[in-house]
Amino acid sequence: MEEQQHGFIKDGKVFRNAFLDFGQREIGELKDSEESTLFFFSERFNLAQAKVDQVEEKINATENKGSYLMKVLHLKETLHEFDAIGDFKKLYKKLDLLEEQLTGFINQNRAKNLEIKTALQAELDVVAKSVEWKSATAEVKEIQRK
């Protein structure tokens, strides 16, 4: 039985060790040699890591960061099903950090948007009290452009 830090081979089957709340799991079968099989599943982990890194790069490169929250949540939900051997715990920590950052960003944007909408509503309240409908209409249109 060949053992590795994140997985092992037993009775011709490849297993990934338990991590976080996810139990030990069979992920494949021994093909040629134990060494080449473990190498194969370790290389597959690089694909999972690349997916997480790619999402992080996209988040860092865009202004609309909040749009990536669902992608991060989807990765967190499905990553444990990926048949690979590697440090999944590290990837989940990175995804947790990204989720926390995105949630903070979204909350800041919501607060900022509420502030803007409240200010616009205050302007509209003043205009609504006007009895001059032509000038009030022009002012409402100007507020709409903001």
C-alpha atoms as a PDB file:
ATOM      1  CA  MET A   1       0.000   0.000   0.000  1.00  0.00           C
ATOM      2  CA  GLU A   2       1.597   3.245  -1.227  1.00  0.00           C
ATOM      3  CA  GLU A   3       0.735   6.216   1.018  1.00  0.00           C
ATOM      4  CA  GLN A   4       0.946   9.891   0.386  1.00  0.00           C
ATOM      5  CA  GLN A   5       0.018  12.889   2.501  1.00  0.00           C
ATOM      6  CA  HIS A   6      -3.322  13.405   0.727  1.00  0.00           C
ATOM      7  CA  GLY A   7      -4.172   9.943  -0.568  1.00  0.00           C
ATOM      8  CA  PHE A   8      -3.177   6.307  -0.887  1.00  0.00           C
ATOM      9  CA  ILE A   9      -3.566   3.106  -2.873  1.00  0.00           C
ATOM     10  CA  LYS A  10      -5.044  -0.001  -1.284  1.00  0.00           C
ATOM     11  CA  ASP A  11      -6.146  -3.240  -2.957  1.00  0.00           C
ATOM     12  CA  GLY A  12      -5.762  -1.721  -6.426  1.00  0.00           C
ATOM     13  CA  LYS A  13      -7.950   1.288  -5.601  1.00  0.00           C
ATOM     14  CA  VAL A  14      -6.917   4.937  -5.203  1.00  0.00           C
ATOM     15  CA  PHE A  15      -8.271   6.836  -2.198  1.00  0.00           C
ATOM     16  CA  ARG A  16      -8.187  10.488  -1.262  1.00  0.00           C
ATOM     17  CA  ASN A  17      -7.737  11.127   2.456  1.00  0.00           C
ATOM     18  CA  ALA A  18     -10.460  12.841   4.455  1.00  0.00           C
ATOM     19  CA  PHE A  19     -10.216  16.613   4.816  1.00  0.00           C
ATOM     20  CA  LEU A  20     -12.383  19.231   6.518  1.00  0.00           C
ATOM     21  CA  ASP A  21     -15.916  17.744   6.654  1.00  0.00           C
ATOM     22  CA  PHE A  22     -15.371  15.442   3.673  1.00  0.00           C
ATOM     23  CA  GLY A  23     -14.633  11.789   4.323  1.00  0.00           C
ATOM     24  CA  GLN A  24     -12.098   9.501   2.736  1.00  0.00           C
ATOM     25  CA  ARG A  25     -13.162   8.715  -0.820  1.00  0.00           C
ATOM     26  CA  GLU A  26     -12.286   6.237  -3.564  1.00  0.00           C
ATOM     27  CA  ILE A  27     -11.292   8.229  -6.637  1.00  0.00           C
ATOM     28  CA  GLY A  28      -9.942   5.636  -9.066  1.00  0.00           C
ATOM     29  CA  GLU A  29      -8.079   2.433  -9.740  1.00  0.00           C
ATOM     30  CA  LEU A  30      -4.438   1.464  -9.973  1.00  0.00           C
ATOM     31  CA  LYS A  31      -3.392   1.476 -13.644  1.00  0.00           C
ATOM     32  CA  ASP A  32       0.291   0.859 -14.408  1.00  0.00           C
ATOM     33  CA  SER A  33       2.323   1.392 -11.272  1.00  0.00           C
ATOM     34  CA  GLU A  34       1.505   2.904  -7.895  1.00  0.00           C
ATOM     35  CA  GLU A  35       3.960   5.718  -8.559  1.00  0.00           C
ATOM     36  CA  SER A  36       2.494   6.643 -11.962  1.00  0.00           C
ATOM     37  CA  THR A  37      -1.071   6.385 -10.644  1.00  0.00           C
ATOM     38  CA  LEU A  38      -0.356   8.694  -7.706  1.00  0.00           C
ATOM     39  CA  PHE A  39       1.430  11.061 -10.079  1.00  0.00           C
ATOM     40  CA  PHE A  40      -1.625  11.081 -12.376  1.00  0.00           C
ATOM     41  CA  PHE A  41      -4.012  11.992  -9.553  1.00  0.00           C
ATOM     42  CA  SER A  42      -1.570  14.585  -8.199  1.00  0.00           C
ATOM     43  CA  GLU A  43      -1.449  16.181 -11.652  1.00  0.00           C
ATOM     44  CA  ARG A  44      -5.254  16.224 -11.730  1.00  0.00           C
ATOM     45  CA  PHE A  45      -5.131  18.237  -8.525  1.00  0.00           C
ATOM     46  CA  ASN A  46      -3.193  20.885 -10.454  1.00  0.00           C
ATOM     47  CA  LEU A  47      -6.295  21.291 -12.647  1.00  0.00           C
ATOM     48  CA  ALA A  48      -8.449  21.947  -9.582  1.00  0.00           C
ATOM     49  CA  GLN A  49      -5.892  24.406  -8.262  1.00  0.00           C
ATOM     50  CA  ALA A  50      -5.806  26.151 -11.651  1.00  0.00           C
ATOM     51  CA  LYS A  51      -9.603  26.598 -11.553  1.00  0.00           C
ATOM     52  CA  VAL A  52      -9.422  28.266  -8.149  1.00  0.00           C
ATOM     53  CA  ASP A  53      -6.458  30.424  -9.211  1.00  0.00           C
ATOM     54  CA  GLN A  54      -8.265  31.430 -12.405  1.00  0.00           C
ATOM     55  CA  VAL A  55     -11.323  32.621 -10.481  1.00  0.00           C
ATOM     56  CA  GLU A  56      -9.081  34.563  -8.093  1.00  0.00           C
ATOM     57  CA  GLU A  57      -7.285  36.232 -11.026  1.00  0.00           C
ATOM     58  CA  LYS A  58     -10.591  37.201 -12.650  1.00  0.00           C
ATOM     59  CA  ILE A  59     -11.844  38.656  -9.375  1.00  0.00           C
ATOM     60  CA  ASN A  60      -8.681  40.715  -8.975  1.00  0.00           C
ATOM     61  CA  ALA A  61      -8.833  41.940 -12.589  1.00  0.00           C
ATOM     62  CA  THR A  62     -12.422  43.192 -12.648  1.00  0.00           C
ATOM     63  CA  GLU A  63     -14.389  46.035 -11.155  1.00  0.00           C
ATOM     64  CA  ASN A  64     -17.588  43.969 -10.897  1.00  0.00           C
ATOM     65  CA  LYS A  65     -16.193  41.605  -8.276  1.00  0.00           C
ATOM     66  CA  GLY A  66     -19.571  40.684  -6.814  1.00  0.00           C
ATOM     67  CA  SER A  67     -20.531  38.821  -9.972  1.00  0.00           C
ATOM     68  CA  TYR A  68     -18.018  36.098  -9.041  1.00  0.00           C
ATOM     69  CA  LEU A  69     -19.584  35.182  -5.705  1.00  0.00           C
ATOM     70  CA  MET A  70     -21.759  32.466  -7.251  1.00  0.00           C
ATOM     71  CA  LYS A  71     -18.727  30.984  -9.036  1.00  0.00           C
ATOM     72  CA  VAL A  72     -16.824  30.820  -5.733  1.00  0.00           C
ATOM     73  CA  LEU A  73     -19.808  29.241  -3.965  1.00  0.00           C
ATOM     74  CA  HIS A  74     -20.220  26.708  -6.779  1.00  0.00           C
ATOM     75  CA  LEU A  75     -16.541  25.745  -6.545  1.00  0.00           C
ATOM     76  CA  LYS A  76     -16.859  25.324  -2.775  1.00  0.00           C
ATOM     77  CA  GLU A  77     -19.898  23.120  -3.308  1.00  0.00           C
ATOM     78  CA  THR A  78     -18.384  20.846  -5.967  1.00  0.00           C
ATOM     79  CA  LEU A  79     -14.601  20.855  -5.496  1.00  0.00           C
ATOM     80  CA  HIS A  80     -14.626  17.933  -3.051  1.00  0.00           C
ATOM     81  CA  GLU A  81     -16.055  15.706  -5.819  1.00  0.00           C
ATOM     82  CA  PHE A  82     -13.024  16.250  -8.065  1.00  0.00           C
ATOM     83  CA  ASP A  83     -11.047  13.017  -8.463  1.00  0.00           C
ATOM     84  CA  ALA A  84      -7.553  14.145  -7.509  1.00  0.00           C
ATOM     85  CA  ILE A  85      -4.969  13.913  -4.751  1.00  0.00           C
ATOM     86  CA  GLY A  86      -3.662  17.130  -3.256  1.00  0.00           C
ATOM     87  CA  ASP A  87      -4.112  19.763  -0.584  1.00  0.00           C
ATOM     88  CA  PHE A  88      -7.837  20.426  -0.998  1.00  0.00           C
ATOM     89  CA  LYS A  89      -7.900  21.989   2.462  1.00  0.00           C
ATOM     90  CA  LYS A  90      -5.651  24.778   1.155  1.00  0.00           C
ATOM     91  CA  LEU A  91      -7.975  25.365  -1.820  1.00  0.00           C
ATOM     92  CA  TYR A  92     -11.007  25.565   0.462  1.00  0.00           C
ATOM     93  CA  LYS A  93      -9.199  28.096   2.665  1.00  0.00           C
ATOM     94  CA  LYS A  94      -8.543  30.226  -0.419  1.00  0.00           C
ATOM     95  CA  LEU A  95     -12.187  29.928  -1.498  1.00  0.00           C
ATOM     96  CA  ASP A  96     -13.349  30.877   2.020  1.00  0.00           C
ATOM     97  CA  LEU A  97     -11.155  33.975   1.887  1.00  0.00           C
ATOM     98  CA  LEU A  98     -12.463  34.914  -1.565  1.00  0.00           C
ATOM     99  CA  GLU A  99     -16.057  34.445  -0.390  1.00  0.00           C
ATOM    100  CA  GLU A 100     -15.404  36.662   2.620  1.00  0.00           C
ATOM    101  CA  GLN A 101     -13.818  39.374   0.446  1.00  0.00           C
ATOM    102  CA  LEU A 102     -16.638  39.264  -2.096  1.00  0.00           C
ATOM    103  CA  THR A 103     -19.319  39.377   0.588  1.00  0.00           C
ATOM    104  CA  GLY A 104     -17.632  42.430   2.108  1.00  0.00           C
ATOM    105  CA  PHE A 105     -17.401  44.077  -1.304  1.00  0.00           C
ATOM    106  CA  ILE A 106     -21.074  43.377  -2.019  1.00  0.00           C
ATOM    107  CA  ASN A 107     -22.134  44.753   1.375  1.00  0.00           C
ATOM    108  CA  GLN A 108     -20.112  47.932   0.762  1.00  0.00           C
ATOM    109  CA  ASN A 109     -21.762  48.363  -2.642  1.00  0.00           C
ATOM    110  CA  ARG A 110     -25.210  47.836  -1.161  1.00  0.00           C
ATOM    111  CA  ALA A 111     -24.575  50.485   1.487  1.00  0.00           C
ATOM    112  CA  LYS A 112     -23.236  52.889  -1.145  1.00  0.00           C
ATOM    113  CA  ASN A 113     -26.229  52.238  -3.435  1.00  0.00           C
ATOM    114  CA  LEU A 114     -28.656  52.774  -0.553  1.00  0.00           C
ATOM    115  CA  GLU A 115     -26.965  56.084   0.233  1.00  0.00           C
ATOM    116  CA  ILE A 116     -27.281  57.209  -3.399  1.00  0.00           C
ATOM    117  CA  LYS A 117     -30.924  56.124  -3.646  1.00  0.00           C
ATOM    118  CA  THR A 118     -31.766  57.848  -0.371  1.00  0.00           C
ATOM    119  CA  ALA A 119     -30.227  61.095  -1.657  1.00  0.00           C
ATOM    120  CA  LEU A 120     -32.163  60.821  -4.933  1.00  0.00           C
ATOM    121  CA  GLN A 121     -35.378  60.147  -3.019  1.00  0.00           C
ATOM    122  CA  ALA A 122     -34.775  63.258  -0.913  1.00  0.00           C
ATOM    123  CA  GLU A 123     -34.390  65.327  -4.095  1.00  0.00           C
ATOM    124  CA  LEU A 124     -37.600  63.849  -5.511  1.00  0.00           C
ATOM    125  CA  ASP A 125     -39.474  64.603  -2.285  1.00  0.00           C
ATOM    126  CA  VAL A 126     -38.578  68.290  -2.658  1.00  0.00           C
ATOM    127  CA  VAL A 127     -39.648  68.331  -6.324  1.00  0.00           C
ATOM    128  CA  ALA A 128     -42.916  66.540  -5.499  1.00  0.00           C
ATOM    129  CA  LYS A 129     -43.990  69.492  -3.339  1.00  0.00           C
ATOM    130  CA  SER A 130     -43.740  71.878  -6.297  1.00  0.00           C
ATOM    131  CA  VAL A 131     -46.934  73.191  -7.875  1.00  0.00           C
ATOM    132  CA  GLU A 132     -45.131  74.168 -11.091  1.00  0.00           C
ATOM    133  CA  TRP A 133     -45.556  70.968 -13.105  1.00  0.00           C
ATOM    134  CA  LYS A 134     -43.339  71.997 -16.046  1.00  0.00           C
ATOM    135  CA  SER A 135     -40.312  72.812 -13.923  1.00  0.00           C
ATOM    136  CA  ALA A 136     -41.015  69.823 -11.651  1.00  0.00           C
ATOM    137  CA  THR A 137     -41.105  67.514 -14.685  1.00  0.00           C
ATOM    138  CA  ALA A 138     -37.777  68.887 -15.906  1.00  0.00           C
ATOM    139  CA  GLU A 139     -36.257  68.426 -12.448  1.00  0.00           C
ATOM    140  CA  VAL A 140     -37.524  64.829 -12.201  1.00  0.00           C
ATOM    141  CA  LYS A 141     -35.997  64.071 -15.610  1.00  0.00           C
ATOM    142  CA  GLU A 142     -32.706  65.586 -14.441  1.00  0.00           C
ATOM    143  CA  ILE A 143     -32.771  63.448 -11.288  1.00  0.00           C
ATOM    144  CA  GLN A 144     -33.457  60.356 -13.433  1.00  0.00           C
ATOM    145  CA  ARG A 145     -30.270  61.035 -15.413  1.00  0.00           C
ATOM    146  CA  LYS A 146     -28.161  60.818 -12.264  1.00  0.00           C
END
